[in-house]
Each structure stands twice: as structure tokens, then as C-alpha cells.
Amino acid sequence: ASEAPVDPDAPDAPGGGGGGGEGGDPGGVLEQMRRLTLLLIP
């Protein structure tokens, strides 16, 4: 996915797609929670 040319303004951003993929992994869920907390808390 990262190899394919993706526009920064496109809804399917590399970062967004990566987050979804990690959701499948048991540890990925925890990572997503941490990322959300970092985004919510400066």
C-alpha cells in the first residue's frame, strides 16, 4: 500500500490504512488506543 502513489488529500491515506491493518493484531488494538490518547491529549 505504501509503495502505491497516494495523494495526501486522498481519504485512503497511508497512515489511516496502516492503522486499520494493525487493528487485526491483538497488540495493534492497544497501539491504536495509545495513538488516540496521544491525539486527544497534547
PDB file of N, CA and C in Angstrom:
ATOM      1  N   ALA A   1       0.846  -1.205   0.000  1.00  0.00           N
ATOM      2  CA  ALA A   1       0.000   0.000   0.000  1.00  0.00           C
ATOM      3  C   ALA A   1       0.876   1.247   0.000  1.00  0.00           C
ATOM      4  N   SER A   2       1.938   1.220   0.831  1.00  0.00           N
ATOM      5  CA  SER A   2       2.810   2.389   0.936  1.00  0.00           C
ATOM      6  C   SER A   2       3.558   2.607  -0.377  1.00  0.00           C
ATOM      7  N   GLU A   3       3.786   1.529  -1.129  1.00  0.00           N
ATOM      8  CA  GLU A   3       4.518   1.642  -2.388  1.00  0.00           C
ATOM      9  C   GLU A   3       3.680   2.357  -3.451  1.00  0.00           C
ATOM     10  N   ALA A   4       2.353   2.193  -3.384  1.00  0.00           N
ATOM     11  CA  ALA A   4       1.478   2.805  -4.386  1.00  0.00           C
ATOM     12  C   ALA A   4       1.408   4.314  -4.157  1.00  0.00           C
ATOM     13  N   PRO A   5       1.386   5.104  -5.232  1.00  0.00           N
ATOM     14  CA  PRO A   5       1.305   6.569  -5.114  1.00  0.00           C
ATOM     15  C   PRO A   5      -0.035   7.001  -4.528  1.00  0.00           C
ATOM     16  N   VAL A   6      -0.003   7.623  -3.354  1.00  0.00           N
ATOM     17  CA  VAL A   6      -1.247   8.052  -2.712  1.00  0.00           C
ATOM     18  C   VAL A   6      -1.204   9.548  -2.450  1.00  0.00           C
ATOM     19  N   ASP A   7      -2.286  10.244  -2.806  1.00  0.00           N
ATOM     20  CA  ASP A   7      -2.330  11.692  -2.589  1.00  0.00           C
ATOM     21  C   ASP A   7      -2.579  11.985  -1.110  1.00  0.00           C
ATOM     22  N   PRO A   8      -1.888  12.986  -0.532  1.00  0.00           N
ATOM     23  CA  PRO A   8      -2.066  13.335   0.882  1.00  0.00           C
ATOM     24  C   PRO A   8      -3.505  13.732   1.199  1.00  0.00           C
ATOM     25  N   ASP A   9      -4.190  14.292   0.200  1.00  0.00           N
ATOM     26  CA  ASP A   9      -5.572  14.723   0.417  1.00  0.00           C
ATOM     27  C   ASP A   9      -6.552  13.569   0.262  1.00  0.00           C
ATOM     28  N   ALA A  10      -6.068  12.437  -0.266  1.00  0.00           N
ATOM     29  CA  ALA A  10      -6.966  11.301  -0.501  1.00  0.00           C
ATOM     30  C   ALA A  10      -7.451  10.726   0.830  1.00  0.00           C
ATOM     31  N   PRO A  11      -8.697  10.239   0.885  1.00  0.00           N
ATOM     32  CA  PRO A  11      -9.267   9.683   2.117  1.00  0.00           C
ATOM     33  C   PRO A  11      -8.504   8.444   2.573  1.00  0.00           C
ATOM     34  N   ASP A  12      -7.934   7.698   1.613  1.00  0.00           N
ATOM     35  CA  ASP A  12      -7.194   6.484   1.962  1.00  0.00           C
ATOM     36  C   ASP A  12      -5.716   6.827   2.147  1.00  0.00           C
ATOM     37  N   ALA A  13      -5.409   7.542   3.195  1.00  0.00           N
ATOM     38  CA  ALA A  13      -4.028   7.923   3.434  1.00  0.00           C
ATOM     39  C   ALA A  13      -3.238   6.720   3.951  1.00  0.00           C
ATOM     40  N   PRO A  14      -1.917   6.647   3.680  1.00  0.00           N
ATOM     41  CA  PRO A  14      -1.089   5.521   4.142  1.00  0.00           C
ATOM     42  C   PRO A  14      -1.217   5.307   5.646  1.00  0.00           C
ATOM     43  N   GLY A  15      -1.212   6.394   6.421  1.00  0.00           N
ATOM     44  CA  GLY A  15      -1.321   6.287   7.879  1.00  0.00           C
ATOM     45  C   GLY A  15      -2.645   5.664   8.288  1.00  0.00           C
ATOM     46  N   GLY A  16      -3.720   6.119   7.665  1.00  0.00           N
ATOM     47  CA  GLY A  16      -5.045   5.597   8.005  1.00  0.00           C
ATOM     48  C   GLY A  16      -5.135   4.119   7.690  1.00  0.00           C
ATOM     49  N   GLY A  17      -4.646   3.734   6.521  1.00  0.00           N
ATOM     50  CA  GLY A  17      -4.695   2.329   6.125  1.00  0.00           C
ATOM     51  C   GLY A  17      -3.869   1.472   7.075  1.00  0.00           C
ATOM     52  N   GLY A  18      -2.709   1.967   7.477  1.00  0.00           N
ATOM     53  CA  GLY A  18      -1.853   1.211   8.385  1.00  0.00           C
ATOM     54  C   GLY A  18      -2.550   0.968   9.717  1.00  0.00           C
ATOM     55  N   GLY A  19      -3.231   1.984  10.218  1.00  0.00           N
ATOM     56  CA  GLY A  19      -3.941   1.845  11.494  1.00  0.00           C
ATOM     57  C   GLY A  19      -4.970   0.738  11.424  1.00  0.00           C
ATOM     58  N   GLY A  20      -5.701   0.687  10.317  1.00  0.00           N
ATOM     59  CA  GLY A  20      -6.737  -0.334  10.166  1.00  0.00           C
ATOM     60  C   GLY A  20      -6.115  -1.725  10.155  1.00  0.00           C
ATOM     61  N   GLY A  21      -4.975  -1.858   9.501  1.00  0.00           N
ATOM     62  CA  GLY A  21      -4.312  -3.157   9.424  1.00  0.00           C
ATOM     63  C   GLY A  21      -3.874  -3.624  10.808  1.00  0.00           C
ATOM     64  N   GLU A  22      -3.357  -2.721  11.612  1.00  0.00           N
ATOM     65  CA  GLU A  22      -2.902  -3.079  12.946  1.00  0.00           C
ATOM     66  C   GLU A  22      -4.071  -3.523  13.818  1.00  0.00           C
ATOM     67  N   GLY A  23      -5.266  -3.017  13.490  1.00  0.00           N
ATOM     68  CA  GLY A  23      -6.447  -3.368  14.278  1.00  0.00           C
ATOM     69  C   GLY A  23      -6.643  -4.884  14.307  1.00  0.00           C
ATOM     70  N   GLY A  24      -6.200  -5.581  13.253  1.00  0.00           N
ATOM     71  CA  GLY A  24      -6.370  -7.032  13.198  1.00  0.00           C
ATOM     72  C   GLY A  24      -5.485  -7.734  14.231  1.00  0.00           C
ATOM     73  N   ASP A  25      -4.345  -7.141  14.567  1.00  0.00           N
ATOM     74  CA  ASP A  25      -3.441  -7.759  15.527  1.00  0.00           C
ATOM     75  C   ASP A  25      -3.883  -7.443  16.957  1.00  0.00           C
ATOM     76  N   PRO A  26      -3.725  -8.413  17.883  1.00  0.00           N
ATOM     77  CA  PRO A  26      -4.124  -8.187  19.282  1.00  0.00           C
ATOM     78  C   PRO A  26      -3.380  -6.998  19.888  1.00  0.00           C
ATOM     79  N   GLY A  27      -2.087  -6.894  19.591  1.00  0.00           N
ATOM     80  CA  GLY A  27      -1.297  -5.786  20.121  1.00  0.00           C
ATOM     81  C   GLY A  27      -1.620  -4.492  19.401  1.00  0.00           C
ATOM     82  N   GLY A  28      -2.066  -4.604  18.139  1.00  0.00           N
ATOM     83  CA  GLY A  28      -2.383  -3.415  17.358  1.00  0.00           C
ATOM     84  C   GLY A  28      -3.474  -2.580  18.005  1.00  0.00           C
ATOM     85  N   VAL A  29      -4.452  -3.264  18.624  1.00  0.00           N
ATOM     86  CA  VAL A  29      -5.562  -2.541  19.261  1.00  0.00           C
ATOM     87  C   VAL A  29      -5.019  -1.611  20.346  1.00  0.00           C
ATOM     88  N   LEU A  30      -4.103  -2.128  21.149  1.00  0.00           N
ATOM     89  CA  LEU A  30      -3.529  -1.306  22.217  1.00  0.00           C
ATOM     90  C   LEU A  30      -2.791  -0.116  21.616  1.00  0.00           C
ATOM     91  N   GLU A  31      -2.086  -0.366  20.511  1.00  0.00           N
ATOM     92  CA  GLU A  31      -1.345   0.721  19.867  1.00  0.00           C
ATOM     93  C   GLU A  31      -2.305   1.797  19.387  1.00  0.00           C
ATOM     94  N   GLN A  32      -3.447   1.371  18.850  1.00  0.00           N
ATOM     95  CA  GLN A  32      -4.437   2.341  18.375  1.00  0.00           C
ATOM     96  C   GLN A  32      -4.950   3.167  19.551  1.00  0.00           C
ATOM     97  N   MET A  33      -5.194   2.517  20.682  1.00  0.00           N
ATOM     98  CA  MET A  33      -5.687   3.233  21.863  1.00  0.00           C
ATOM     99  C   MET A  33      -4.655   4.296  22.260  1.00  0.00           C
ATOM    100  N   ARG A  34      -3.378   3.907  22.248  1.00  0.00           N
ATOM    101  CA  ARG A  34      -2.322   4.851  22.625  1.00  0.00           C
ATOM    102  C   ARG A  34      -2.295   6.022  21.657  1.00  0.00           C
ATOM    103  N   ARG A  35      -2.431   5.714  20.354  1.00  0.00           N
ATOM    104  CA  ARG A  35      -2.401   6.775  19.348  1.00  0.00           C
ATOM    105  C   ARG A  35      -3.572   7.724  19.566  1.00  0.00           C
ATOM    106  N   LEU A  36      -4.744   7.170  19.856  1.00  0.00           N
ATOM    107  CA  LEU A  36      -5.926   8.013  20.065  1.00  0.00           C
ATOM    108  C   LEU A  36      -5.701   8.915  21.271  1.00  0.00           C
ATOM    109  N   THR A  37      -5.154   8.357  22.343  1.00  0.00           N
ATOM    110  CA  THR A  37      -4.914   9.150  23.554  1.00  0.00           C
ATOM    111  C   THR A  37      -3.914  10.262  23.246  1.00  0.00           C
ATOM    112  N   LEU A  38      -2.895   9.949  22.435  1.00  0.00           N
ATOM    113  CA  LEU A  38      -1.895  10.965  22.091  1.00  0.00           C
ATOM    114  C   LEU A  38      -2.547  12.079  21.284  1.00  0.00           C
ATOM    115  N   LEU A  39      -3.467  11.703  20.390  1.00  0.00           N
ATOM    116  CA  LEU A  39      -4.140  12.710  19.569  1.00  0.00           C
ATOM    117  C   LEU A  39      -5.072  13.555  20.435  1.00  0.00           C
ATOM    118  N   LEU A  40      -5.771  12.894  21.366  1.00  0.00           N
ATOM    119  CA  LEU A  40      -6.725  13.620  22.206  1.00  0.00           C
ATOM    120  C   LEU A  40      -5.982  14.466  23.230  1.00  0.00           C
ATOM    121  N   ILE A  41      -4.876  13.919  23.760  1.00  0.00           N
ATOM    122  CA  ILE A  41      -4.125  14.642  24.793  1.00  0.00           C
ATOM    123  C   ILE A  41      -2.824  15.173  24.202  1.00  0.00           C
ATOM    124  N   PRO A  42      -2.659  16.487  24.115  1.00  0.00           N
ATOM    125  CA  PRO A  42      -1.445  17.093  23.531  1.00  0.00           C
ATOM    126  C   PRO A  42      -0.207  16.821  24.376  1.00  0.00           C
TER     127      PRO A  42
END
